[in-house]
C-alpha atoms as a PDB file:
ATOM      1  CA  MET A   1      -8.130  34.022  35.570  1.00  0.00           C
ATOM      2  CA  ILE A   2      -5.350  32.094  33.734  1.00  0.00           C
ATOM      3  CA  ILE A   3      -5.069  29.608  36.621  1.00  0.00           C
ATOM      4  CA  TYR A   4      -8.841  29.145  36.561  1.00  0.00           C
ATOM      5  CA  ILE A   5      -8.810  28.412  32.820  1.00  0.00           C
ATOM      6  CA  TYR A   6      -6.050  25.808  33.269  1.00  0.00           C
ATOM      7  CA  LEU A   7      -7.902  24.140  36.102  1.00  0.00           C
ATOM      8  CA  PHE A   8     -11.138  24.138  34.128  1.00  0.00           C
ATOM      9  CA  SER A   9      -9.506  22.588  31.037  1.00  0.00           C
ATOM     10  CA  TRP A  10      -7.830  19.915  33.168  1.00  0.00           C
ATOM     11  CA  SER A  11     -11.148  19.068  34.890  1.00  0.00           C
ATOM     12  CA  LEU A  12     -12.878  18.741  31.527  1.00  0.00           C
ATOM     13  CA  ALA A  13     -10.193  16.346  30.338  1.00  0.00           C
ATOM     14  CA  GLY A  14     -10.589  14.318  33.506  1.00  0.00           C
ATOM     15  CA  VAL A  15     -14.381  14.152  33.203  1.00  0.00           C
ATOM     16  CA  PHE A  16     -14.880  13.634  29.498  1.00  0.00           C
ATOM     17  CA  GLY A  17     -11.559  12.037  28.471  1.00  0.00           C
ATOM     18  CA  VAL A  18     -10.508  11.833  24.858  1.00  0.00           C
ATOM     19  CA  ASP A  19     -12.917  12.501  22.003  1.00  0.00           C
ATOM     20  CA  GLU A  20     -11.673   9.739  19.699  1.00  0.00           C
ATOM     21  CA  VAL A  21      -9.091   7.021  19.234  1.00  0.00           C
ATOM     22  CA  LYS A  22      -6.218   8.183  17.028  1.00  0.00           C
ATOM     23  CA  SER A  23      -4.973   5.760  14.366  1.00  0.00           C
ATOM     24  CA  VAL A  24      -1.215   5.594  13.727  1.00  0.00           C
ATOM     25  CA  SER A  25       0.534   3.276  11.243  1.00  0.00           C
ATOM     26  CA  VAL A  26       4.195   2.693  10.353  1.00  0.00           C
ATOM     27  CA  THR A  27       6.327   0.150   8.509  1.00  0.00           C
ATOM     28  CA  GLU A  28       8.304  -2.357  10.583  1.00  0.00           C
ATOM     29  CA  GLY A  29      11.654  -0.982  11.737  1.00  0.00           C
ATOM     30  CA  GLU A  30      10.607   2.667  11.761  1.00  0.00           C
ATOM     31  CA  SER A  31      10.332   4.804  14.912  1.00  0.00           C
ATOM     32  CA  VAL A  32       7.097   6.406  16.052  1.00  0.00           C
ATOM     33  CA  ARG A  33       6.144   9.169  18.467  1.00  0.00           C
ATOM     34  CA  LEU A  34       2.814   8.998  20.294  1.00  0.00           C
ATOM     35  CA  ASN A  35       2.070  12.507  21.556  1.00  0.00           C
ATOM     36  CA  SER A  36       0.588  13.090  24.972  1.00  0.00           C
ATOM     37  CA  TYR A  37      -0.764  16.615  24.182  1.00  0.00           C
ATOM     38  CA  LEU A  38      -0.554  17.617  27.824  1.00  0.00           C
ATOM     39  CA  THR A  39      -2.108  20.843  29.078  1.00  0.00           C
ATOM     40  CA  GLU A  40      -0.012  23.227  31.149  1.00  0.00           C
ATOM     41  CA  ILE A  41      -1.515  22.038  34.431  1.00  0.00           C
ATOM     42  CA  GLN A  42      -0.826  18.402  33.499  1.00  0.00           C
ATOM     43  CA  ARG A  43       2.869  19.149  32.967  1.00  0.00           C
ATOM     44  CA  HIS A  44       3.230  19.082  36.769  1.00  0.00           C
ATOM     45  CA  ASP A  45       1.629  15.676  37.059  1.00  0.00           C
ATOM     46  CA  GLU A  46       2.721  12.041  36.789  1.00  0.00           C
ATOM     47  CA  MET A  47       1.926  10.336  33.484  1.00  0.00           C
ATOM     48  CA  THR A  48       1.659   6.607  32.721  1.00  0.00           C
ATOM     49  CA  TRP A  49       1.570   4.752  29.412  1.00  0.00           C
ATOM     50  CA  ARG A  50      -0.179   1.412  28.939  1.00  0.00           C
ATOM     51  CA  PHE A  51      -0.073  -1.064  26.084  1.00  0.00           C
ATOM     52  CA  ASN A  52      -3.268  -3.162  25.937  1.00  0.00           C
ATOM     53  CA  ASN A  53      -3.865  -2.124  29.581  1.00  0.00           C
ATOM     54  CA  ILE A  54      -0.351  -3.254  30.617  1.00  0.00           C
ATOM     55  CA  MET A  55       1.788  -0.514  32.175  1.00  0.00           C
ATOM     56  CA  ILE A  56       4.974  -0.014  30.168  1.00  0.00           C
ATOM     57  CA  ALA A  57       6.272   3.455  31.168  1.00  0.00           C
ATOM     58  CA  LYS A  58       5.861   6.188  33.750  1.00  0.00           C
ATOM     59  CA  LEU A  59       7.047   9.811  33.851  1.00  0.00           C
ATOM     60  CA  ASN A  60       7.129  12.410  36.601  1.00  0.00           C
ATOM     61  CA  VAL A  61       6.729  15.378  34.277  1.00  0.00           C
ATOM     62  CA  LYS A  62       7.841  17.999  36.808  1.00  0.00           C
ATOM     63  CA  ASP A  63      11.107  16.213  37.704  1.00  0.00           C
ATOM     64  CA  SER A  64      11.614  14.608  34.255  1.00  0.00           C
ATOM     65  CA  LYS A  65      12.132  11.207  35.877  1.00  0.00           C
ATOM     66  CA  SER A  66      11.225   8.244  33.683  1.00  0.00           C
ATOM     67  CA  ARG A  67      10.684   4.603  34.522  1.00  0.00           C
ATOM     68  CA  PHE A  68      10.277   1.770  32.038  1.00  0.00           C
ATOM     69  CA  TYR A  69       8.787  -1.621  32.846  1.00  0.00           C
ATOM     70  CA  ASN A  70      11.025  -3.817  30.686  1.00  0.00           C
ATOM     71  CA  ASP A  71       9.502  -7.078  31.896  1.00  0.00           C
ATOM     72  CA  SER A  72       5.943  -5.986  31.106  1.00  0.00           C
ATOM     73  CA  ALA A  73       4.144  -7.194  27.975  1.00  0.00           C
ATOM     74  CA  GLU A  74       6.459 -10.223  27.806  1.00  0.00           C
ATOM     75  CA  GLY A  75       9.489  -7.938  27.580  1.00  0.00           C
ATOM     76  CA  ARG A  76       8.737  -6.940  23.973  1.00  0.00           C
ATOM     77  CA  PHE A  77       9.634  -3.263  24.543  1.00  0.00           C
ATOM     78  CA  ARG A  78      12.956  -3.804  26.317  1.00  0.00           C
ATOM     79  CA  ASP A  79      15.392  -0.933  25.542  1.00  0.00           C
ATOM     80  CA  ARG A  80      13.104   0.441  22.820  1.00  0.00           C
ATOM     81  CA  LEU A  81      11.046   3.033  24.740  1.00  0.00           C
ATOM     82  CA  LYS A  82      11.740   6.711  25.418  1.00  0.00           C
ATOM     83  CA  LEU A  83       9.769   9.495  27.107  1.00  0.00           C
ATOM     84  CA  ASP A  84      10.346  13.184  26.493  1.00  0.00           C
ATOM     85  CA  GLN A  85       9.540  16.056  28.873  1.00  0.00           C
ATOM     86  CA  THR A  86       6.019  16.408  27.501  1.00  0.00           C
ATOM     87  CA  GLY A  87       5.186  12.791  28.315  1.00  0.00           C
ATOM     88  CA  SER A  88       5.137  11.704  24.671  1.00  0.00           C
ATOM     89  CA  LEU A  89       6.107   8.068  24.089  1.00  0.00           C
ATOM     90  CA  ILE A  90       8.739   7.179  21.473  1.00  0.00           C
ATOM     91  CA  ILE A  91       9.023   3.583  20.253  1.00  0.00           C
ATOM     92  CA  THR A  92      12.165   2.746  18.269  1.00  0.00           C
ATOM     93  CA  ASN A  93      12.784  -0.159  15.887  1.00  0.00           C
ATOM     94  CA  THR A  94       9.079  -1.027  15.754  1.00  0.00           C
ATOM     95  CA  ARG A  95       7.945  -4.627  15.334  1.00  0.00           C
ATOM     96  CA  ILE A  96       4.743  -6.307  14.175  1.00  0.00           C
ATOM     97  CA  THR A  97       4.043  -7.352  17.782  1.00  0.00           C
ATOM     98  CA  ASP A  98       3.967  -3.681  18.835  1.00  0.00           C
ATOM     99  CA  SER A  99       0.546  -3.304  17.202  1.00  0.00           C
ATOM    100  CA  GLY A 100      -2.222  -2.627  19.695  1.00  0.00           C
ATOM    101  CA  GLU A 101      -3.860   0.009  21.864  1.00  0.00           C
ATOM    102  CA  TYR A 102      -1.808   2.617  23.758  1.00  0.00           C
ATOM    103  CA  LYS A 103      -3.224   4.840  26.504  1.00  0.00           C
ATOM    104  CA  VAL A 104      -1.676   7.766  28.382  1.00  0.00           C
ATOM    105  CA  THR A 105      -3.251   8.714  31.696  1.00  0.00           C
ATOM    106  CA  SER A 106      -2.659  11.245  34.448  1.00  0.00           C
ATOM    107  CA  LYS A 107      -2.149  10.367  38.093  1.00  0.00           C
ATOM    108  CA  ARG A 108      -4.931  12.770  39.052  1.00  0.00           C
ATOM    109  CA  SER A 109      -7.439  10.893  36.916  1.00  0.00           C
ATOM    110  CA  ASP A 110      -7.703   7.393  35.513  1.00  0.00           C
ATOM    111  CA  THR A 111      -9.512   8.755  32.475  1.00  0.00           C
ATOM    112  CA  PRO A 112      -7.167   8.425  29.465  1.00  0.00           C
ATOM    113  CA  LEU A 113      -5.802  11.679  28.086  1.00  0.00           C
ATOM    114  CA  ASN A 114      -5.120  10.026  24.751  1.00  0.00           C
ATOM    115  CA  ILE A 115      -5.750   6.650  23.149  1.00  0.00           C
ATOM    116  CA  PHE A 116      -3.925   5.380  20.072  1.00  0.00           C
ATOM    117  CA  SER A 117      -4.693   2.462  17.809  1.00  0.00           C
ATOM    118  CA  PHE A 118      -1.197   1.616  16.579  1.00  0.00           C
ATOM    119  CA  THR A 119      -0.453  -0.728  13.667  1.00  0.00           C
ATOM    120  CA  VAL A 120       2.940  -1.910  12.413  1.00  0.00           C
ATOM    121  CA  TYR A 121       2.982  -3.311   8.863  1.00  0.00           C
ATOM    122  CA  ALA A 122       5.610  -5.649   7.439  1.00  0.00           C
ATOM    123  CA  HIS A 123       7.824  -4.549   4.553  1.00  0.00           C
ATOM    124  CA  LEU A 124       6.103  -5.198   1.230  1.00  0.00           C
ATOM    125  CA  PRO A 125       7.870  -7.542  -1.191  1.00  0.00           C
ATOM    126  CA  VAL A 126       7.977  -6.741  -4.894  1.00  0.00           C
ATOM    127  CA  PRO A 127       5.327  -8.914  -6.646  1.00  0.00           C
ATOM    128  CA  VAL A 128       6.688 -11.508  -9.085  1.00  0.00           C
ATOM    129  CA  ILE A 129       5.039 -12.127 -12.484  1.00  0.00           C
ATOM    130  CA  THR A 130       5.503 -15.534 -14.155  1.00  0.00           C
ATOM    131  CA  ARG A 131       3.890 -17.470 -16.992  1.00  0.00           C
ATOM    132  CA  ASP A 132       1.209 -19.905 -15.826  1.00  0.00           C
ATOM    133  CA  SER A 133       2.471 -22.993 -17.636  1.00  0.00           C
ATOM    134  CA  SER A 134      -0.574 -25.124 -16.785  1.00  0.00           C
ATOM    135  CA  GLN A 135      -3.021 -22.644 -18.276  1.00  0.00           C
ATOM    136  CA  ASN A 136      -0.774 -21.884 -21.250  1.00  0.00           C
ATOM    137  CA  SER A 137      -0.479 -25.560 -22.219  1.00  0.00           C
ATOM    138  CA  SER A 138      -4.219 -26.160 -21.960  1.00  0.00           C
ATOM    139  CA  SER A 139      -5.065 -23.121 -24.078  1.00  0.00           C
ATOM    140  CA  SER A 140      -2.338 -23.555 -26.700  1.00  0.00           C
ATOM    141  CA  SER A 141      -4.575 -25.668 -28.939  1.00  0.00           C
ATOM    142  CA  SER A 142      -7.331 -23.039 -29.043  1.00  0.00           C
ATOM    143  CA  SER A 143      -5.240 -19.890 -29.477  1.00  0.00           C
ATOM    144  CA  SER A 144      -1.523 -19.618 -30.033  1.00  0.00           C
ATOM    145  CA  SER A 145      -1.479 -15.972 -28.960  1.00  0.00           C
ATOM    146  CA  SER A 146      -3.251 -16.377 -25.595  1.00  0.00           C
ATOM    147  CA  CYS A 147      -1.190 -16.051 -22.414  1.00  0.00           C
ATOM    148  CA  SER A 148      -1.843 -16.696 -18.726  1.00  0.00           C
ATOM    149  CA  PHE A 149       0.189 -15.093 -15.959  1.00  0.00           C
ATOM    150  CA  LEU A 150       0.514 -15.447 -12.205  1.00  0.00           C
ATOM    151  CA  CYS A 151       1.359 -12.550  -9.922  1.00  0.00           C
ATOM    152  CA  SER A 152       2.681 -13.852  -6.591  1.00  0.00           C
ATOM    153  CA  VAL A 153       3.720 -12.500  -3.179  1.00  0.00           C
ATOM    154  CA  LEU A 154       5.444 -14.465  -0.414  1.00  0.00           C
ATOM    155  CA  ASN A 155       5.846 -14.024   3.349  1.00  0.00           C
ATOM    156  CA  VAL A 156       3.303 -11.236   3.693  1.00  0.00           C
ATOM    157  CA  SER A 157      -0.194 -10.863   5.135  1.00  0.00           C
ATOM    158  CA  ASP A 158      -2.990  -8.315   5.377  1.00  0.00           C
ATOM    159  CA  VAL A 159      -2.370  -6.867   1.916  1.00  0.00           C
ATOM    160  CA  THR A 160      -4.268  -6.543  -1.365  1.00  0.00           C
ATOM    161  CA  LEU A 161      -2.946  -8.063  -4.610  1.00  0.00           C
ATOM    162  CA  SER A 162      -4.278  -6.524  -7.839  1.00  0.00           C
ATOM    163  CA  TRP A 163      -3.940  -6.573 -11.626  1.00  0.00           C
ATOM    164  CA  TYR A 164      -4.227  -3.255 -13.496  1.00  0.00           C
ATOM    165  CA  LYS A 165      -4.555  -2.341 -17.162  1.00  0.00           C
ATOM    166  CA  GLY A 166      -3.274   1.214 -17.261  1.00  0.00           C
ATOM    167  CA  ASN A 167      -5.111   2.860 -14.349  1.00  0.00           C
ATOM    168  CA  SER A 168      -8.103   0.505 -14.535  1.00  0.00           C
ATOM    169  CA  LEU A 169      -8.453  -2.258 -11.943  1.00  0.00           C
ATOM    170  CA  LEU A 170      -8.945  -5.682 -13.564  1.00  0.00           C
ATOM    171  CA  SER A 171      -9.042  -7.954 -10.490  1.00  0.00           C
ATOM    172  CA  SER A 172      -7.884  -8.088  -6.887  1.00  0.00           C
ATOM    173  CA  ILE A 173      -7.802 -10.335  -3.821  1.00  0.00           C
ATOM    174  CA  SER A 174      -7.147  -9.779  -0.118  1.00  0.00           C
ATOM    175  CA  VAL A 175      -4.131 -11.738   1.096  1.00  0.00           C
ATOM    176  CA  SER A 176      -4.586 -12.893   4.680  1.00  0.00           C
ATOM    177  CA  ASP A 177      -2.028 -15.712   4.663  1.00  0.00           C
ATOM    178  CA  LEU A 178       1.676 -15.680   3.805  1.00  0.00           C
ATOM    179  CA  SER A 179       1.638 -16.747   0.159  1.00  0.00           C
ATOM    180  CA  ARG A 180      -0.901 -16.068  -2.593  1.00  0.00           C
ATOM    181  CA  SER A 181      -1.104 -15.707  -6.380  1.00  0.00           C
ATOM    182  CA  LEU A 182      -3.517 -13.913  -8.705  1.00  0.00           C
ATOM    183  CA  SER A 183      -3.903 -15.046 -12.318  1.00  0.00           C
ATOM    184  CA  LEU A 184      -4.439 -12.973 -15.465  1.00  0.00           C
ATOM    185  CA  HIS A 185      -5.425 -14.360 -18.874  1.00  0.00           C
ATOM    186  CA  LEU A 186      -4.708 -12.352 -22.032  1.00  0.00           C
ATOM    187  CA  GLU A 187      -5.242 -13.019 -25.713  1.00  0.00           C
ATOM    188  CA  CYS A 188      -2.313 -10.713 -26.427  1.00  0.00           C
ATOM    189  CA  LEU A 189      -0.616  -7.626 -25.018  1.00  0.00           C
ATOM    190  CA  ASP A 190      -2.345  -4.514 -26.314  1.00  0.00           C
ATOM    191  CA  ASP A 191      -1.912  -2.156 -23.372  1.00  0.00           C
ATOM    192  CA  PHE A 192       0.010  -1.384 -20.194  1.00  0.00           C
ATOM    193  CA  TYR A 193      -0.428  -4.127 -17.533  1.00  0.00           C
ATOM    194  CA  SER A 194       0.933  -4.195 -13.974  1.00  0.00           C
ATOM    195  CA  CYS A 195       0.572  -6.121 -10.730  1.00  0.00           C
ATOM    196  CA  VAL A 196       0.359  -4.180  -7.454  1.00  0.00           C
ATOM    197  CA  VAL A 197       0.567  -5.303  -3.829  1.00  0.00           C
ATOM    198  CA  ASN A 198      -0.420  -2.745  -1.207  1.00  0.00           C
ATOM    199  CA  ASN A 199      -1.370  -2.167   2.415  1.00  0.00           C
ATOM    200  CA  PRO A 200      -2.870   1.041   3.874  1.00  0.00           C
ATOM    201  CA  ILE A 201       0.477   2.887   3.855  1.00  0.00           C
ATOM    202  CA  ARG A 202       2.681   1.340   1.130  1.00  0.00           C
ATOM    203  CA  ASN A 203       2.559  -0.305  -2.307  1.00  0.00           C
ATOM    204  CA  GLN A 204       4.883  -2.207  -4.646  1.00  0.00           C
ATOM    205  CA  THR A 205       4.391  -2.536  -8.422  1.00  0.00           C
ATOM    206  CA  THR A 206       5.734  -4.883 -11.098  1.00  0.00           C
ATOM    207  CA  HIS A 207       5.060  -4.168 -14.778  1.00  0.00           C
ATOM    208  CA  LEU A 208       4.274  -6.988 -17.187  1.00  0.00           C
ATOM    209  CA  CYS A 209       7.106  -7.530 -19.675  1.00  0.00           C
ATOM    210  CA  THR A 210       5.825  -7.534 -23.268  1.00  0.00           C
ATOM    211  CA  GLU A 211       8.358 -10.210 -24.215  1.00  0.00           C
ATOM    212  CA  LEU A 212       6.395 -12.754 -22.175  1.00  0.00           C
ATOM    213  CA  CYS A 213       3.447 -12.736 -24.573  1.00  0.00           C
ATOM    214  CA  GLN A 214       2.747 -12.074 -28.255  1.00  0.00           C
ATOM    215  CA  THR A 215       1.824  -8.456 -28.968  1.00  0.00           C
ATOM    216  CA  CYS A 216      -1.447  -7.705 -30.705  1.00  0.00           C
ATOM    217  CA  SER A 217      -1.406  -7.267 -34.513  1.00  0.00           C
ATOM    218  CA  ASP A 218      -3.752  -7.560 -37.485  1.00  0.00           C
ATOM    219  CA  PRO A 219      -4.708 -11.173 -38.372  1.00  0.00           C
ATOM    220  CA  PRO A 220      -2.702 -12.584 -41.298  1.00  0.00           C
ATOM    221  CA  ASP A 221      -5.782 -12.856 -43.582  1.00  0.00           C
ATOM    222  CA  SER A 222      -6.916  -9.273 -43.008  1.00  0.00           C
ATOM    223  CA  VAL A 223      -5.846  -6.395 -45.233  1.00  0.00           C
ATOM    224  CA  SER A 224      -5.280  -2.907 -43.945  1.00  0.00           C
ATOM    225  CA  PRO A 225      -7.328  -0.093 -45.573  1.00  0.00           C
ATOM    226  CA  ILE A 226      -4.045   1.606 -46.472  1.00  0.00           C
ATOM    227  CA  VAL A 227      -3.115  -1.397 -48.609  1.00  0.00           C
ATOM    228  CA  TRP A 228      -6.438  -1.163 -50.474  1.00  0.00           C
ATOM    229  CA  ILE A 229      -5.977   2.557 -51.126  1.00  0.00           C
ATOM    230  CA  SER A 230      -2.415   2.049 -52.366  1.00  0.00           C
ATOM    231  CA  ALA A 231      -3.513  -0.744 -54.745  1.00  0.00           C
ATOM    232  CA  ALA A 232      -6.329   1.367 -56.168  1.00  0.00           C
ATOM    233  CA  ALA A 233      -4.018   4.314 -56.737  1.00  0.00           C
ATOM    234  CA  GLY A 234      -1.511   2.093 -58.509  1.00  0.00           C
ATOM    235  CA  PHE A 235      -4.214   0.621 -60.761  1.00  0.00           C
ATOM    236  CA  LEU A 236      -5.406   4.106 -61.757  1.00  0.00           C
ATOM    237  CA  LEU A 237      -1.844   5.147 -62.593  1.00  0.00           C
ATOM    238  CA  ILE A 238      -1.438   2.090 -64.840  1.00  0.00           C
ATOM    239  CA  VAL A 239      -4.740   2.817 -66.653  1.00  0.00           C
ATOM    240  CA  ALA A 240      -3.738   6.449 -67.167  1.00  0.00           C
ATOM    241  CA  ALA A 241      -0.318   5.439 -68.541  1.00  0.00           C
ATOM    242  CA  VAL A 242      -1.867   2.968 -71.001  1.00  0.00           C
ATOM    243  CA  GLY A 243      -4.372   5.608 -72.144  1.00  0.00           C
ATOM    244  CA  ILE A 244      -1.683   8.198 -72.744  1.00  0.00           C
ATOM    245  CA  PHE A 245       0.426   5.630 -74.624  1.00  0.00           C
ATOM    246  CA  CYS A 246      -2.484   4.759 -76.923  1.00  0.00           C
ATOM    247  CA  ILE A 247      -3.297   8.407 -77.682  1.00  0.00           C
ATOM    248  CA  CYS A 248       0.326   9.217 -78.469  1.00  0.00           C
ATOM    249  CA  ARG A 249       0.616   6.163 -80.768  1.00  0.00           C
ATOM    250  CA  LYS A 250      -2.583   7.080 -82.656  1.00  0.00           C
ATOM    251  CA  HIS A 251      -1.316  10.561 -83.435  1.00  0.00           C
END
C-alpha cells in the first residue's frame, strides 16, 4: 500500500507538474537555497536544474553524484553552485545577473517538479538630503522661511523614492535608472520629515535635519493669548492697588 501511494504521488507530479511559480528574493551577495521538495520515490531518480532553460546542474540522488555545467549560461555560476542530497540547489555569493527562472526536473518526466522566479536586488544606498539652491534662491523674495530640499539616490535601479511627514506619504517616484532626485518644498519645519528608498525586501531612511530650515513659530506681529491674559491680570492688579490706596488715604 505504501509503495502504491508513493507511485501514485510521483505519477501525479509527472502529469500535473507544479501548481505555481514560487517567488524568491535576496540582496546581492547573500546565499539562497532553492528547495526541490522531492517525494520519496523521486529520491532514487536523477534530477536536473535549469536556469532560463539552460542546464546548470545535475544530481544522481541515489548515488549523491553531482555535476555542474560551469560553462553554461556564459559561465556566470562558475564555482558558486552546490547540490545537497535532496536535490536542492544552493547559490552562493548571488549577483544581479542570477535573476531569472529556475526549474528542477526529474529524469523520469520532463514536467518540472518546481519552478522558481528568483530576483537578486542591489544593496540600497542611504538617501542623501540637500538644500535645493535653485528653488531656494527663486523663492527667497516671496518668503524668507520657505525651504526646498532634494532627496537623491545614486547607482541604483528598480526602487521607490519617497518623502514622508511622520507616517504619512507626501510624494514618491519609481526609480528605473541609476540616479534620481525627489524634491520637497516646505514653508517651515513643523513636523517629522524623512526620505525613504525601498525595494520589495529592503529600505533605507534619512531624516530631515531641522537645522537646514527655519522652524515654525508665531509671526512677529501676532500676540499669544497668554500674553493678553497676563496683561489683563496685571491691569486689574494695578486698579485694585490704586483703589485700596485711595480708600486708605480717605480714612
